[in-house]
Amino acid sequence: MFMSQAAMTRSVCVLLSVLLSACSQTDMSDLEGFVAEVNARKNPEVKQIPEFKVMPSFFYEPGTRRDPFKALLDKTDEPSVKDDTTKLICNRPDPNRVRVGLELLPLDSIQMVGTLQDDTKILWGLVIAKGDGTIYRVKTGDYLGDEYGRITSISEDKIEVLNLISDNAGCFIDRQASLALSSEPTK
């Protein structure tokens, strides 16, 4: 059943010659027609690159104007620096504390609607978020408002909040704000 080596070689040679003879056709009229069609097409016109006007050079004479290559803020006026840790000594919020709930809302979208005192004699402030109408309980020390506000005191008629406002130099300034008791809660 097995063919000899010579018979196998002859059959491979015959097969190759049959396959190669199929490539010997010289009728390439379709290819020649396509090439002629492509060559007959008109080339698209490309606009010339516009000439750029030469701008006259400008020499900056500062006179009494400030030097544009010097910083606007004087670095010597910044708050002092702690040892070699390069952290500014100033009032700033904790960057690692996750802000949630009422801290994500601006203070003007929060309204005080009342107080509540529980068995432990803690006076809670009741505030409502104007957007969703939900009433929240807050106590002294809680955070409130989007300016890193912290509740400093709660009385029957108002909630005092100490906000930290950025001074655009890396520190924050304390600013007192308050929420007064409202007679009509808005939703």
Protein backbone atom coordinates (compact mmCIF):
# COMPACT_ATOMS: atom_id res chain seq x y z
CA MET A 1 0.00 0.00 0.00
CA PHE A 2 2.87 2.30 0.61
CA MET A 3 4.46 4.11 -2.32
CA SER A 4 8.14 4.07 -2.80
CA GLN A 5 10.24 7.13 -2.35
CA ALA A 6 10.75 7.56 -6.08
CA ALA A 7 7.03 7.21 -6.86
CA MET A 8 6.21 9.78 -4.22
CA THR A 9 8.73 12.24 -5.65
CA ARG A 10 7.32 11.78 -9.19
CA SER A 11 3.74 12.37 -8.02
CA VAL A 12 4.77 15.55 -6.18
CA CYS A 13 6.59 16.84 -9.26
CA VAL A 14 3.56 16.14 -11.48
CA LEU A 15 1.27 17.88 -9.04
CA LEU A 16 3.53 20.93 -8.87
CA SER A 17 3.80 21.18 -12.63
CA VAL A 18 0.00 21.05 -12.98
CA LEU A 19 -0.42 23.79 -10.38
CA LEU A 20 2.25 26.00 -11.91
CA SER A 21 0.85 25.56 -15.40
CA ALA A 22 -2.37 27.25 -14.16
CA CYS A 23 -0.32 30.38 -13.47
CA SER A 24 1.07 30.46 -16.99
CA GLN A 25 -2.02 32.03 -18.54
CA THR A 26 -1.11 35.31 -20.20
CA ASP A 27 -4.62 36.75 -20.37
CA MET A 28 -4.41 39.77 -18.04
CA SER A 29 -6.88 41.94 -19.88
CA ASP A 30 -8.94 42.69 -16.73
CA LEU A 31 -5.83 43.80 -14.81
CA GLU A 32 -4.60 45.90 -17.72
CA GLY A 33 -8.05 47.51 -18.03
CA PHE A 34 -8.07 48.44 -14.33
CA VAL A 35 -4.58 49.97 -14.52
CA ALA A 36 -5.60 51.97 -17.61
CA GLU A 37 -8.73 53.23 -15.81
CA VAL A 38 -6.74 54.37 -12.76
CA ASN A 39 -4.15 56.10 -14.97
CA ALA A 40 -6.93 57.88 -16.90
CA ARG A 41 -8.34 59.51 -13.75
CA LYS A 42 -7.56 63.16 -13.29
CA ASN A 43 -5.34 63.91 -10.33
CA PRO A 44 -7.01 66.05 -7.67
CA GLU A 45 -5.76 69.57 -7.47
CA VAL A 46 -3.98 70.35 -4.24
CA LYS A 47 -3.98 73.94 -3.08
CA GLN A 48 -0.59 75.46 -2.62
CA ILE A 49 0.61 76.05 0.90
CA PRO A 50 -0.09 79.68 1.77
CA GLU A 51 2.88 81.90 2.37
CA PHE A 52 3.22 83.03 5.94
CA LYS A 53 3.85 86.66 6.58
CA VAL A 54 7.04 87.41 8.40
CA MET A 55 6.14 89.08 11.66
CA PRO A 56 8.43 91.81 12.89
CA SER A 57 10.29 90.93 16.06
CA PHE A 58 9.21 92.61 19.27
CA PHE A 59 11.57 93.78 21.96
CA TYR A 60 9.91 93.96 25.38
CA GLU A 61 10.94 97.01 27.38
CA PRO A 62 9.40 96.68 30.84
CA GLY A 63 9.80 100.28 31.95
CA THR A 64 7.45 100.45 34.94
CA ARG A 65 5.60 97.25 34.06
CA ARG A 66 6.29 94.01 35.91
CA ASP A 67 8.77 91.43 34.65
CA PRO A 68 6.71 88.64 33.00
CA PHE A 69 9.28 86.04 34.02
CA LYS A 70 9.00 86.66 37.76
CA ALA A 71 6.32 85.00 39.92
CA LEU A 72 3.19 87.02 40.70
CA LEU A 73 3.27 85.97 44.36
CA ASP A 74 6.37 86.54 46.42
CA LYS A 75 7.38 83.17 47.88
CA THR A 76 8.89 84.83 50.95
CA ASP A 77 5.43 85.95 52.14
CA GLU A 78 4.11 82.37 52.41
CA PRO A 79 3.42 80.85 55.84
CA SER A 80 6.37 79.35 57.65
CA VAL A 81 7.45 75.81 56.94
CA LYS A 82 7.69 72.99 59.48
CA ASP A 83 11.22 71.64 59.91
CA ASP A 84 12.16 69.68 56.78
CA THR A 85 8.79 68.07 56.07
CA THR A 86 7.79 70.99 53.80
CA LYS A 87 4.25 71.12 55.20
CA LEU A 88 2.82 74.57 55.76
CA ILE A 89 1.88 75.55 59.28
CA CYS A 90 -1.60 76.90 58.77
CA ASN A 91 -5.24 76.03 59.28
CA ARG A 92 -6.40 73.48 56.70
CA PRO A 93 -8.96 70.65 56.50
CA ASP A 94 -7.98 67.01 56.86
CA PRO A 95 -7.37 65.77 53.29
CA ASN A 96 -7.82 62.11 54.34
CA ARG A 97 -11.30 62.51 55.84
CA VAL A 98 -14.05 61.39 53.49
CA ARG A 99 -16.76 64.03 53.08
CA VAL A 100 -20.30 62.66 53.05
CA GLY A 101 -23.93 63.69 53.33
CA LEU A 102 -24.52 67.31 54.30
CA GLU A 103 -20.86 68.19 53.63
CA LEU A 104 -21.47 67.85 49.92
CA LEU A 105 -24.21 70.49 49.90
CA PRO A 106 -23.65 74.26 49.94
CA LEU A 107 -24.62 75.86 53.22
CA ASP A 108 -27.30 77.99 51.54
CA SER A 109 -29.13 74.83 50.44
CA ILE A 110 -29.48 73.67 54.06
CA GLN A 111 -32.17 75.11 56.33
CA MET A 112 -32.66 74.79 60.11
CA VAL A 113 -36.18 73.64 60.99
CA GLY A 114 -35.92 72.91 64.71
CA THR A 115 -34.10 71.28 67.63
CA LEU A 116 -34.44 68.06 69.53
CA GLN A 117 -33.09 67.08 72.96
CA ASP A 118 -32.72 63.43 73.83
CA ASP A 119 -32.40 61.60 77.18
CA THR A 120 -28.65 62.27 77.32
CA LYS A 121 -29.34 66.04 77.25
CA ILE A 122 -27.64 66.45 73.84
CA LEU A 123 -29.27 69.24 71.84
CA TRP A 124 -29.63 68.17 68.24
CA GLY A 125 -30.29 70.57 65.40
CA LEU A 126 -32.81 69.54 62.78
CA VAL A 127 -31.91 70.66 59.28
CA ILE A 128 -33.51 70.02 55.94
CA ALA A 129 -31.78 69.71 52.58
CA LYS A 130 -33.76 71.96 50.22
CA GLY A 131 -33.13 69.71 47.21
CA ASP A 132 -34.62 66.46 48.50
CA GLY A 133 -36.63 67.58 51.55
CA THR A 134 -34.96 65.07 53.88
CA ILE A 135 -34.63 66.13 57.55
CA TYR A 136 -31.26 65.40 59.19
CA ARG A 137 -30.16 65.44 62.85
CA VAL A 138 -26.87 67.27 63.54
CA LYS A 139 -24.95 67.93 66.75
CA THR A 140 -22.05 70.11 67.82
CA GLY A 141 -18.86 68.87 66.15
CA ASP A 142 -20.58 67.53 63.03
CA TYR A 143 -19.52 68.75 59.60
CA LEU A 144 -21.96 70.78 57.54
CA GLY A 145 -21.71 72.52 54.15
CA ASP A 146 -19.26 72.29 51.28
CA GLU A 147 -16.76 74.75 52.78
CA TYR A 148 -15.44 72.31 55.40
CA GLY A 149 -17.87 73.76 57.95
CA ARG A 150 -17.95 72.38 61.48
CA ILE A 151 -20.84 73.02 63.87
CA THR A 152 -19.56 74.98 66.88
CA SER A 153 -22.84 75.48 68.76
CA ILE A 154 -26.54 74.77 68.56
CA SER A 155 -29.21 76.86 70.27
CA GLU A 156 -32.99 76.88 70.05
CA ASP A 157 -32.98 79.46 67.23
CA LYS A 158 -29.72 78.98 65.29
CA ILE A 159 -26.79 76.71 64.43
CA GLU A 160 -23.29 78.27 64.41
CA VAL A 161 -20.89 76.89 61.80
CA LEU A 162 -17.16 77.58 61.43
CA ASN A 163 -16.24 77.37 57.74
CA LEU A 164 -12.73 77.04 56.34
CA ILE A 165 -12.36 79.31 53.29
CA SER A 166 -9.31 78.90 51.04
CA ASP A 167 -6.98 81.91 50.83
CA ASN A 168 -5.57 80.64 47.49
CA ALA A 169 -2.09 80.33 49.02
CA GLY A 170 -2.50 76.84 50.46
CA CYS A 171 -4.04 77.83 53.79
CA PHE A 172 -7.61 78.31 54.98
CA ILE A 173 -9.24 81.17 56.87
CA ASP A 174 -11.88 80.63 59.59
CA ARG A 175 -15.20 82.25 58.72
CA GLN A 176 -18.22 82.11 61.02
CA ALA A 177 -21.65 81.40 59.54
CA SER A 178 -25.00 80.51 61.02
CA LEU A 179 -28.27 78.86 60.08
CA ALA A 180 -31.28 80.60 61.63
CA LEU A 181 -34.45 78.76 62.54
CA SER A 182 -36.91 78.96 59.67
CA SER A 183 -40.64 79.13 60.21
CA GLU A 184 -41.42 77.44 56.87
CA PRO A 185 -39.30 74.61 55.52
CA THR A 186 -38.87 74.74 51.75
CA LYS A 187 -38.67 71.61 49.68
